N, C-alpha and C. Protein backbone atom coordinates (compact mmCIF):
# COMPACT_ATOMS: atom_id res chain seq x y z
N MET A 1 -9.83 24.74 -16.74
CA MET A 1 -9.27 23.46 -17.13
C MET A 1 -8.74 22.77 -15.87
N LEU A 2 -9.16 21.54 -15.63
CA LEU A 2 -8.73 20.82 -14.44
C LEU A 2 -7.29 20.37 -14.51
N ASN A 3 -6.87 19.89 -15.66
CA ASN A 3 -5.49 19.43 -15.83
C ASN A 3 -4.80 20.31 -16.86
N PRO A 4 -3.68 20.90 -16.46
CA PRO A 4 -2.95 21.71 -17.45
C PRO A 4 -2.37 20.81 -18.53
N PRO A 5 -2.11 21.36 -19.70
CA PRO A 5 -1.54 20.53 -20.77
C PRO A 5 -0.12 20.08 -20.39
N LEU A 6 0.28 18.97 -20.97
CA LEU A 6 1.64 18.49 -20.74
C LEU A 6 2.63 19.47 -21.34
N PRO A 7 3.79 19.63 -20.70
CA PRO A 7 4.79 20.53 -21.29
C PRO A 7 5.29 20.00 -22.63
N ARG A 8 5.67 20.89 -23.50
CA ARG A 8 6.17 20.50 -24.82
C ARG A 8 7.61 20.03 -24.76
N VAL A 9 8.34 20.44 -23.76
CA VAL A 9 9.73 20.04 -23.61
C VAL A 9 9.95 19.54 -22.18
N PHE A 10 11.00 18.79 -21.98
CA PHE A 10 11.35 18.32 -20.64
C PHE A 10 12.86 18.21 -20.57
N GLU A 11 13.36 18.11 -19.36
CA GLU A 11 14.79 17.89 -19.15
C GLU A 11 14.96 16.52 -18.52
N ALA A 12 15.61 15.61 -19.23
CA ALA A 12 15.84 14.26 -18.72
C ALA A 12 16.82 14.33 -17.55
N ILE A 13 16.63 13.44 -16.58
CA ILE A 13 17.56 13.34 -15.46
C ILE A 13 18.24 11.98 -15.52
N ALA A 14 19.41 11.88 -14.88
CA ALA A 14 20.18 10.64 -14.94
C ALA A 14 20.81 10.35 -13.58
N ASP A 15 21.12 9.10 -13.37
CA ASP A 15 21.74 8.67 -12.12
C ASP A 15 23.01 9.48 -11.84
N GLY A 16 23.12 9.95 -10.61
CA GLY A 16 24.29 10.72 -10.20
C GLY A 16 24.21 12.20 -10.48
N GLN A 17 23.22 12.60 -11.24
CA GLN A 17 23.08 14.01 -11.60
C GLN A 17 22.60 14.81 -10.40
N ASN A 18 23.05 16.05 -10.30
CA ASN A 18 22.55 16.97 -9.28
C ASN A 18 21.59 17.93 -9.94
N ILE A 19 20.41 18.07 -9.34
CA ILE A 19 19.40 18.97 -9.87
C ILE A 19 18.93 19.89 -8.75
N THR A 20 18.28 20.97 -9.12
CA THR A 20 17.75 21.90 -8.14
C THR A 20 16.23 21.90 -8.24
N ILE A 21 15.59 21.70 -7.08
CA ILE A 21 14.14 21.75 -7.01
C ILE A 21 13.79 22.68 -5.85
N GLY A 22 12.99 23.69 -6.13
CA GLY A 22 12.60 24.63 -5.09
C GLY A 22 13.78 25.33 -4.43
N GLY A 23 14.84 25.54 -5.18
CA GLY A 23 16.03 26.21 -4.66
C GLY A 23 16.93 25.30 -3.84
N HIS A 24 16.63 24.00 -3.78
CA HIS A 24 17.44 23.07 -2.99
C HIS A 24 18.11 22.04 -3.90
N PRO A 25 19.35 21.66 -3.57
CA PRO A 25 20.05 20.67 -4.39
C PRO A 25 19.61 19.24 -4.05
N TRP A 26 19.40 18.44 -5.07
CA TRP A 26 19.01 17.04 -4.93
C TRP A 26 19.90 16.20 -5.84
N LYS A 27 20.35 15.08 -5.32
CA LYS A 27 21.12 14.13 -6.13
C LYS A 27 20.17 13.05 -6.62
N VAL A 28 20.24 12.72 -7.89
CA VAL A 28 19.41 11.67 -8.48
C VAL A 28 20.12 10.33 -8.26
N ILE A 29 19.39 9.38 -7.67
CA ILE A 29 19.88 8.02 -7.50
C ILE A 29 18.82 7.12 -8.12
N THR A 30 19.20 6.40 -9.16
CA THR A 30 18.21 5.56 -9.82
C THR A 30 18.24 4.14 -9.28
N GLY A 31 17.06 3.61 -9.07
CA GLY A 31 16.90 2.22 -8.66
C GLY A 31 16.43 1.40 -9.84
N GLN A 32 16.58 0.10 -9.72
CA GLN A 32 16.16 -0.83 -10.78
C GLN A 32 15.31 -1.92 -10.16
N GLY A 33 14.69 -2.73 -11.00
CA GLY A 33 13.96 -3.90 -10.54
C GLY A 33 12.47 -3.69 -10.47
N HIS A 34 12.04 -2.69 -9.73
CA HIS A 34 10.60 -2.40 -9.66
C HIS A 34 10.16 -1.69 -10.93
N ALA A 35 10.97 -0.75 -11.36
CA ALA A 35 10.73 0.00 -12.59
C ALA A 35 12.09 0.41 -13.14
N PRO A 36 12.21 0.53 -14.46
CA PRO A 36 13.50 0.93 -15.02
C PRO A 36 13.87 2.36 -14.62
N ASP A 37 15.08 2.51 -14.14
CA ASP A 37 15.61 3.83 -13.78
C ASP A 37 14.65 4.64 -12.92
N MET A 38 14.16 4.03 -11.84
CA MET A 38 13.27 4.73 -10.92
C MET A 38 14.06 5.83 -10.22
N ALA A 39 13.68 7.06 -10.45
CA ALA A 39 14.40 8.20 -9.88
C ALA A 39 14.04 8.39 -8.41
N CYS A 40 15.06 8.32 -7.58
CA CYS A 40 14.96 8.67 -6.17
C CYS A 40 15.80 9.94 -6.00
N LEU A 41 15.46 10.75 -5.03
CA LEU A 41 16.14 12.03 -4.86
C LEU A 41 16.66 12.16 -3.44
N PHE A 42 17.93 12.59 -3.29
CA PHE A 42 18.53 12.75 -1.98
C PHE A 42 19.01 14.19 -1.80
N ASN A 43 18.60 14.80 -0.69
CA ASN A 43 19.06 16.13 -0.33
C ASN A 43 19.98 15.99 0.88
N ALA A 44 21.27 16.24 0.68
CA ALA A 44 22.26 16.06 1.75
C ALA A 44 22.09 17.09 2.86
N GLU A 45 21.67 18.31 2.52
CA GLU A 45 21.51 19.36 3.53
C GLU A 45 20.44 19.01 4.55
N THR A 46 19.31 18.50 4.09
CA THR A 46 18.21 18.17 4.99
C THR A 46 18.18 16.70 5.38
N ARG A 47 19.06 15.90 4.75
CA ARG A 47 19.13 14.45 5.00
C ARG A 47 17.77 13.79 4.72
N VAL A 48 17.23 14.12 3.55
CA VAL A 48 15.94 13.56 3.12
C VAL A 48 16.17 12.75 1.85
N LEU A 49 15.61 11.54 1.82
CA LEU A 49 15.63 10.70 0.63
C LEU A 49 14.20 10.46 0.18
N ILE A 50 13.88 10.90 -1.01
CA ILE A 50 12.60 10.55 -1.63
C ILE A 50 12.84 9.24 -2.35
N ALA A 51 12.35 8.15 -1.75
CA ALA A 51 12.72 6.81 -2.18
C ALA A 51 11.76 6.20 -3.20
N ALA A 52 10.67 6.87 -3.50
CA ALA A 52 9.68 6.34 -4.45
C ALA A 52 9.25 4.94 -4.03
N ASP A 53 9.17 4.00 -4.97
CA ASP A 53 8.82 2.62 -4.65
C ASP A 53 10.05 1.75 -4.44
N GLN A 54 11.23 2.30 -4.52
CA GLN A 54 12.45 1.50 -4.43
C GLN A 54 12.68 0.95 -3.02
N ILE A 55 12.40 1.77 -2.01
CA ILE A 55 12.61 1.35 -0.62
C ILE A 55 11.34 1.69 0.15
N LEU A 56 10.61 0.65 0.52
CA LEU A 56 9.34 0.81 1.25
C LEU A 56 9.53 0.39 2.70
N PRO A 57 8.73 0.94 3.61
CA PRO A 57 8.97 0.70 5.04
C PRO A 57 8.60 -0.68 5.58
N ARG A 58 7.63 -1.36 4.96
CA ARG A 58 7.16 -2.62 5.55
C ARG A 58 7.22 -3.82 4.61
N ILE A 59 7.21 -3.58 3.33
CA ILE A 59 7.21 -4.69 2.37
C ILE A 59 8.31 -4.44 1.34
N SER A 60 8.62 -5.48 0.61
CA SER A 60 9.52 -5.32 -0.52
C SER A 60 8.67 -4.83 -1.69
N PRO A 61 9.19 -3.93 -2.51
CA PRO A 61 8.42 -3.52 -3.68
C PRO A 61 8.25 -4.69 -4.65
N TYR A 62 7.25 -4.59 -5.49
CA TYR A 62 7.04 -5.61 -6.52
C TYR A 62 8.25 -5.62 -7.45
N VAL A 63 8.84 -6.79 -7.62
CA VAL A 63 9.93 -7.00 -8.57
C VAL A 63 9.54 -8.24 -9.36
N GLY A 64 9.11 -8.03 -10.59
CA GLY A 64 8.61 -9.14 -11.40
C GLY A 64 9.29 -9.24 -12.75
N LEU A 65 9.35 -10.45 -13.27
CA LEU A 65 9.84 -10.69 -14.62
C LEU A 65 8.66 -10.52 -15.57
N HIS A 66 8.86 -9.75 -16.61
CA HIS A 66 7.78 -9.45 -17.54
C HIS A 66 7.97 -10.20 -18.86
N ALA A 67 6.87 -10.57 -19.48
CA ALA A 67 6.90 -11.34 -20.72
C ALA A 67 7.66 -10.63 -21.83
N GLY A 68 7.63 -9.32 -21.85
CA GLY A 68 8.31 -8.56 -22.89
C GLY A 68 9.82 -8.52 -22.75
N GLU A 69 10.33 -8.99 -21.62
CA GLU A 69 11.77 -8.97 -21.38
C GLU A 69 12.17 -10.26 -20.64
N PRO A 70 11.97 -11.43 -21.27
CA PRO A 70 12.14 -12.70 -20.57
C PRO A 70 13.57 -13.01 -20.14
N ALA A 71 14.56 -12.39 -20.75
CA ALA A 71 15.95 -12.66 -20.40
C ALA A 71 16.48 -11.70 -19.33
N ALA A 72 15.63 -10.80 -18.85
CA ALA A 72 16.06 -9.83 -17.85
C ALA A 72 16.27 -10.51 -16.50
N ASP A 73 16.96 -9.82 -15.62
CA ASP A 73 17.17 -10.27 -14.25
C ASP A 73 16.75 -9.14 -13.31
N PRO A 74 15.43 -8.88 -13.20
CA PRO A 74 14.99 -7.73 -12.42
C PRO A 74 15.36 -7.81 -10.93
N LEU A 75 15.36 -9.01 -10.36
CA LEU A 75 15.73 -9.11 -8.95
C LEU A 75 17.22 -8.83 -8.77
N GLY A 76 18.04 -9.32 -9.66
CA GLY A 76 19.47 -8.99 -9.60
C GLY A 76 19.70 -7.50 -9.74
N ALA A 77 18.97 -6.87 -10.66
CA ALA A 77 19.10 -5.42 -10.85
C ALA A 77 18.63 -4.67 -9.60
N PHE A 78 17.55 -5.14 -8.99
CA PHE A 78 17.04 -4.51 -7.77
C PHE A 78 18.07 -4.59 -6.66
N LEU A 79 18.59 -5.78 -6.41
CA LEU A 79 19.55 -5.96 -5.32
C LEU A 79 20.83 -5.16 -5.56
N THR A 80 21.30 -5.13 -6.80
CA THR A 80 22.49 -4.34 -7.12
C THR A 80 22.25 -2.86 -6.91
N SER A 81 21.09 -2.38 -7.35
CA SER A 81 20.83 -0.94 -7.23
C SER A 81 20.64 -0.50 -5.78
N LEU A 82 20.22 -1.42 -4.90
CA LEU A 82 20.11 -1.06 -3.48
C LEU A 82 21.45 -0.62 -2.91
N GLN A 83 22.54 -1.15 -3.46
CA GLN A 83 23.87 -0.82 -2.95
C GLN A 83 24.20 0.66 -3.15
N LYS A 84 23.58 1.31 -4.12
CA LYS A 84 23.82 2.74 -4.34
C LYS A 84 23.42 3.57 -3.12
N PHE A 85 22.47 3.06 -2.34
CA PHE A 85 21.95 3.81 -1.20
C PHE A 85 22.80 3.62 0.06
N ARG A 86 23.76 2.71 0.01
CA ARG A 86 24.63 2.43 1.16
C ARG A 86 25.51 3.62 1.52
N ASP A 87 25.82 4.46 0.54
CA ASP A 87 26.67 5.61 0.80
C ASP A 87 25.94 6.74 1.53
N LEU A 88 24.62 6.67 1.60
CA LEU A 88 23.86 7.71 2.28
C LEU A 88 23.95 7.50 3.79
N PRO A 89 23.83 8.57 4.56
CA PRO A 89 23.87 8.42 6.02
C PRO A 89 22.71 7.57 6.53
N GLU A 90 22.95 6.86 7.63
CA GLU A 90 21.92 6.01 8.24
C GLU A 90 20.73 6.82 8.71
N ASP A 91 20.97 8.05 9.14
CA ASP A 91 19.90 8.83 9.77
C ASP A 91 19.10 9.69 8.80
N VAL A 92 19.08 9.31 7.51
CA VAL A 92 18.25 10.07 6.58
C VAL A 92 16.78 9.78 6.85
N LEU A 93 15.96 10.75 6.56
CA LEU A 93 14.51 10.55 6.60
C LEU A 93 14.11 10.01 5.24
N VAL A 94 13.55 8.80 5.22
CA VAL A 94 13.16 8.15 3.97
C VAL A 94 11.68 8.42 3.73
N LEU A 95 11.39 8.99 2.57
CA LEU A 95 10.00 9.26 2.17
C LEU A 95 9.63 8.29 1.06
N PRO A 96 8.91 7.20 1.40
CA PRO A 96 8.52 6.22 0.39
C PRO A 96 7.24 6.64 -0.32
N SER A 97 6.96 6.01 -1.44
CA SER A 97 5.70 6.27 -2.15
C SER A 97 4.50 5.68 -1.42
N HIS A 98 4.73 4.63 -0.63
CA HIS A 98 3.66 3.97 0.11
C HIS A 98 4.11 3.80 1.56
N GLY A 99 3.21 4.03 2.48
CA GLY A 99 3.55 3.86 3.89
C GLY A 99 4.09 5.15 4.49
N GLU A 100 4.42 5.06 5.76
CA GLU A 100 4.87 6.22 6.52
C GLU A 100 6.35 6.50 6.29
N PRO A 101 6.76 7.77 6.38
CA PRO A 101 8.19 8.09 6.36
C PRO A 101 8.89 7.35 7.51
N PHE A 102 10.18 7.06 7.33
CA PHE A 102 10.90 6.33 8.37
C PHE A 102 12.38 6.69 8.38
N TYR A 103 13.01 6.37 9.50
CA TYR A 103 14.46 6.44 9.65
C TYR A 103 14.97 5.00 9.70
N GLY A 104 16.25 4.83 9.48
CA GLY A 104 16.85 3.50 9.54
C GLY A 104 17.07 2.92 8.15
N LEU A 105 17.62 3.73 7.26
CA LEU A 105 17.82 3.31 5.87
C LEU A 105 18.65 2.04 5.77
N HIS A 106 19.79 2.00 6.45
CA HIS A 106 20.68 0.85 6.29
C HIS A 106 20.04 -0.43 6.82
N ALA A 107 19.32 -0.33 7.93
CA ALA A 107 18.63 -1.50 8.46
C ALA A 107 17.58 -1.99 7.46
N ARG A 108 16.92 -1.05 6.80
CA ARG A 108 15.91 -1.43 5.81
C ARG A 108 16.55 -2.10 4.60
N LEU A 109 17.69 -1.57 4.15
CA LEU A 109 18.41 -2.19 3.04
C LEU A 109 18.84 -3.60 3.42
N ASP A 110 19.35 -3.77 4.65
CA ASP A 110 19.75 -5.10 5.13
C ASP A 110 18.55 -6.05 5.10
N TRP A 111 17.38 -5.57 5.55
CA TRP A 111 16.20 -6.41 5.57
C TRP A 111 15.81 -6.84 4.16
N LEU A 112 15.82 -5.90 3.21
CA LEU A 112 15.43 -6.22 1.84
C LEU A 112 16.36 -7.28 1.23
N VAL A 113 17.65 -7.13 1.44
CA VAL A 113 18.62 -8.10 0.91
C VAL A 113 18.40 -9.46 1.56
N ALA A 114 18.25 -9.49 2.89
CA ALA A 114 18.04 -10.75 3.60
C ALA A 114 16.72 -11.41 3.20
N HIS A 115 15.68 -10.60 3.04
CA HIS A 115 14.37 -11.11 2.64
C HIS A 115 14.46 -11.86 1.31
N HIS A 116 15.10 -11.25 0.34
CA HIS A 116 15.18 -11.89 -0.98
C HIS A 116 16.13 -13.09 -0.95
N ALA A 117 17.18 -13.03 -0.14
CA ALA A 117 18.07 -14.19 0.00
C ALA A 117 17.29 -15.37 0.57
N GLU A 118 16.44 -15.10 1.55
CA GLU A 118 15.61 -16.16 2.13
C GLU A 118 14.65 -16.73 1.10
N ARG A 119 14.04 -15.87 0.31
CA ARG A 119 13.08 -16.31 -0.71
C ARG A 119 13.78 -17.17 -1.78
N LEU A 120 14.98 -16.76 -2.16
CA LEU A 120 15.74 -17.54 -3.13
C LEU A 120 16.07 -18.92 -2.57
N SER A 121 16.46 -18.97 -1.32
CA SER A 121 16.79 -20.23 -0.66
C SER A 121 15.57 -21.15 -0.58
N LEU A 122 14.42 -20.58 -0.21
CA LEU A 122 13.20 -21.37 -0.13
C LEU A 122 12.83 -21.96 -1.49
N LEU A 123 12.95 -21.16 -2.54
CA LEU A 123 12.64 -21.66 -3.89
C LEU A 123 13.60 -22.76 -4.30
N LEU A 124 14.87 -22.56 -4.04
CA LEU A 124 15.87 -23.54 -4.41
C LEU A 124 15.60 -24.88 -3.72
N ASP A 125 15.23 -24.80 -2.45
CA ASP A 125 14.92 -26.03 -1.70
C ASP A 125 13.66 -26.71 -2.21
N ALA A 126 12.71 -25.94 -2.73
CA ALA A 126 11.40 -26.48 -3.11
C ALA A 126 11.35 -26.98 -4.55
N MET A 127 12.20 -26.48 -5.42
CA MET A 127 12.05 -26.82 -6.83
C MET A 127 12.54 -28.24 -7.12
N ALA A 128 11.76 -28.91 -7.92
CA ALA A 128 12.10 -30.26 -8.38
C ALA A 128 11.24 -30.52 -9.61
N ASP A 129 11.72 -30.08 -10.75
CA ASP A 129 10.94 -30.19 -11.98
C ASP A 129 9.59 -29.50 -11.79
N SER A 130 9.65 -28.24 -11.32
CA SER A 130 8.46 -27.48 -10.94
C SER A 130 8.19 -26.35 -11.91
N SER A 131 6.93 -26.06 -12.11
CA SER A 131 6.56 -24.86 -12.87
C SER A 131 6.57 -23.67 -11.91
N ALA A 132 6.58 -22.47 -12.45
CA ALA A 132 6.48 -21.27 -11.61
C ALA A 132 5.18 -21.31 -10.82
N HIS A 133 4.11 -21.77 -11.44
CA HIS A 133 2.83 -21.86 -10.75
C HIS A 133 2.90 -22.84 -9.57
N ASP A 134 3.61 -23.96 -9.76
CA ASP A 134 3.79 -24.93 -8.67
C ASP A 134 4.48 -24.29 -7.48
N LEU A 135 5.36 -23.32 -7.75
CA LEU A 135 6.20 -22.72 -6.70
C LEU A 135 5.58 -21.48 -6.06
N LEU A 136 4.45 -21.04 -6.57
CA LEU A 136 3.78 -19.87 -5.97
C LEU A 136 3.60 -19.99 -4.46
N PRO A 137 3.13 -21.12 -3.93
CA PRO A 137 2.91 -21.21 -2.48
C PRO A 137 4.19 -21.08 -1.64
N VAL A 138 5.35 -21.26 -2.27
CA VAL A 138 6.61 -21.09 -1.55
C VAL A 138 6.81 -19.62 -1.18
N LEU A 139 6.46 -18.73 -2.10
CA LEU A 139 6.64 -17.30 -1.87
C LEU A 139 5.40 -16.62 -1.30
N PHE A 140 4.24 -17.19 -1.56
CA PHE A 140 2.98 -16.57 -1.13
C PHE A 140 2.20 -17.58 -0.30
N ARG A 141 2.09 -17.32 0.97
CA ARG A 141 1.50 -18.28 1.91
C ARG A 141 -0.02 -18.36 1.80
N ARG A 142 -0.64 -17.35 1.22
CA ARG A 142 -2.09 -17.36 1.08
C ARG A 142 -2.43 -17.49 -0.40
N PRO A 143 -3.59 -18.07 -0.71
CA PRO A 143 -3.98 -18.17 -2.12
C PRO A 143 -4.13 -16.77 -2.74
N LEU A 144 -3.75 -16.66 -3.99
CA LEU A 144 -3.84 -15.38 -4.69
C LEU A 144 -5.09 -15.36 -5.55
N ASP A 145 -5.83 -14.25 -5.48
CA ASP A 145 -6.99 -14.11 -6.35
C ASP A 145 -6.50 -13.81 -7.77
N LEU A 146 -7.40 -13.79 -8.71
CA LEU A 146 -7.00 -13.57 -10.11
C LEU A 146 -6.28 -12.24 -10.31
N ARG A 147 -6.68 -11.24 -9.56
CA ARG A 147 -6.05 -9.91 -9.68
C ARG A 147 -4.58 -9.97 -9.30
N ASN A 148 -4.25 -10.77 -8.29
CA ASN A 148 -2.88 -10.82 -7.79
C ASN A 148 -2.07 -11.99 -8.35
N LEU A 149 -2.71 -12.91 -9.06
CA LEU A 149 -2.00 -14.06 -9.58
C LEU A 149 -0.89 -13.65 -10.55
N GLY A 150 -1.16 -12.70 -11.42
CA GLY A 150 -0.14 -12.23 -12.37
C GLY A 150 1.06 -11.61 -11.66
N PHE A 151 0.77 -10.83 -10.61
CA PHE A 151 1.88 -10.24 -9.83
C PHE A 151 2.68 -11.35 -9.15
N GLY A 152 1.99 -12.32 -8.58
CA GLY A 152 2.66 -13.43 -7.91
C GLY A 152 3.54 -14.23 -8.85
N LEU A 153 3.02 -14.51 -10.04
CA LEU A 153 3.82 -15.24 -11.03
C LEU A 153 5.01 -14.41 -11.48
N GLY A 154 4.80 -13.11 -11.68
CA GLY A 154 5.91 -12.25 -12.08
C GLY A 154 7.03 -12.24 -11.04
N GLU A 155 6.65 -12.16 -9.76
CA GLU A 155 7.65 -12.19 -8.69
C GLU A 155 8.33 -13.54 -8.59
N THR A 156 7.56 -14.60 -8.71
CA THR A 156 8.14 -15.94 -8.65
C THR A 156 9.13 -16.13 -9.80
N LEU A 157 8.75 -15.71 -10.99
CA LEU A 157 9.64 -15.82 -12.15
C LEU A 157 10.90 -14.97 -11.98
N ALA A 158 10.77 -13.80 -11.37
CA ALA A 158 11.95 -12.96 -11.14
C ALA A 158 12.94 -13.66 -10.21
N HIS A 159 12.42 -14.32 -9.18
CA HIS A 159 13.29 -15.05 -8.26
C HIS A 159 13.91 -16.28 -8.96
N LEU A 160 13.11 -16.99 -9.75
CA LEU A 160 13.64 -18.14 -10.49
C LEU A 160 14.70 -17.70 -11.49
N ARG A 161 14.46 -16.62 -12.17
CA ARG A 161 15.43 -16.10 -13.14
C ARG A 161 16.73 -15.72 -12.42
N ARG A 162 16.64 -15.12 -11.23
CA ARG A 162 17.83 -14.77 -10.45
C ARG A 162 18.64 -16.02 -10.14
N LEU A 163 17.95 -17.09 -9.71
CA LEU A 163 18.64 -18.36 -9.44
C LEU A 163 19.29 -18.91 -10.70
N GLN A 164 18.63 -18.75 -11.84
CA GLN A 164 19.18 -19.21 -13.11
C GLN A 164 20.44 -18.43 -13.46
N VAL A 165 20.38 -17.12 -13.32
CA VAL A 165 21.54 -16.27 -13.62
C VAL A 165 22.71 -16.61 -12.69
N MET A 166 22.40 -16.95 -11.45
CA MET A 166 23.43 -17.30 -10.47
C MET A 166 23.99 -18.71 -10.72
N GLY A 167 23.40 -19.45 -11.66
CA GLY A 167 23.85 -20.80 -11.96
C GLY A 167 23.33 -21.85 -10.99
N GLU A 168 22.32 -21.48 -10.20
CA GLU A 168 21.75 -22.39 -9.20
C GLU A 168 20.56 -23.18 -9.71
N ALA A 169 19.94 -22.73 -10.79
CA ALA A 169 18.74 -23.39 -11.32
C ALA A 169 18.79 -23.41 -12.84
N VAL A 170 18.08 -24.38 -13.40
CA VAL A 170 17.92 -24.45 -14.85
C VAL A 170 16.45 -24.59 -15.17
N ALA A 171 16.09 -24.13 -16.35
CA ALA A 171 14.70 -24.22 -16.80
C ALA A 171 14.68 -24.89 -18.17
N GLU A 172 13.73 -25.81 -18.33
CA GLU A 172 13.55 -26.49 -19.61
C GLU A 172 12.06 -26.62 -19.87
N LYS A 173 11.69 -26.50 -21.15
CA LYS A 173 10.28 -26.67 -21.51
C LYS A 173 9.93 -28.15 -21.51
N ASP A 174 8.73 -28.43 -20.98
CA ASP A 174 8.26 -29.81 -21.01
C ASP A 174 7.57 -30.07 -22.36
N THR A 175 6.93 -31.22 -22.50
CA THR A 175 6.34 -31.61 -23.78
C THR A 175 5.17 -30.74 -24.22
N VAL A 176 4.56 -30.00 -23.27
CA VAL A 176 3.46 -29.11 -23.64
C VAL A 176 3.89 -27.64 -23.64
N GLY A 177 5.18 -27.37 -23.47
CA GLY A 177 5.70 -26.01 -23.56
C GLY A 177 5.77 -25.25 -22.25
N VAL A 178 5.53 -25.92 -21.11
CA VAL A 178 5.61 -25.25 -19.81
C VAL A 178 7.06 -25.31 -19.32
N MET A 179 7.56 -24.17 -18.86
CA MET A 179 8.91 -24.14 -18.30
C MET A 179 8.91 -24.86 -16.97
N ARG A 180 9.83 -25.80 -16.81
CA ARG A 180 10.00 -26.57 -15.59
C ARG A 180 11.36 -26.20 -14.99
N TRP A 181 11.36 -25.93 -13.70
CA TRP A 181 12.56 -25.46 -13.00
C TRP A 181 13.09 -26.56 -12.09
N ARG A 182 14.42 -26.65 -12.05
CA ARG A 182 15.08 -27.59 -11.14
C ARG A 182 16.46 -27.03 -10.78
N ARG A 183 17.04 -27.61 -9.74
CA ARG A 183 18.40 -27.21 -9.34
C ARG A 183 19.38 -27.50 -10.48
N ALA A 184 20.39 -26.68 -10.57
CA ALA A 184 21.43 -26.88 -11.59
C ALA A 184 22.31 -28.07 -11.20
């Protein structure tokens, strides 16, 4: 058999919990925004952080607003959950799901926060009774193919929703039902 059957039982893990894997202690730190309760694991003895998709070395992970949860604030959740990693030492070895392992956790966290602050500012400056589709070029400098258009719209909507939650933007449906965004 190529794939063993799934186990009949499992043990759920939670943020802040300490677990043992391979005889070594790991602290569970959950991230938000990219995926709900994304489990990252930190081993203090070896100073290793398994960061999953929460902290990537060269790009920001996908953080999108999904149709099934239109009132969510995934970008706000992402930025808030990044603060959980501030307590870790700067010199941890970060093992991301994509890209090469790296050092410099705090610098990377600073970059992610600054990157999204810049994106929010660009959107705020650009919106004027705009649809999310109108605002795609603000966040994505190159045209998106059909495969990536959904991801681009999800990310744009997540940023717009963050501005709405912050009280910086409002959205109203136009006469044909398209959400139009403008400064508050």
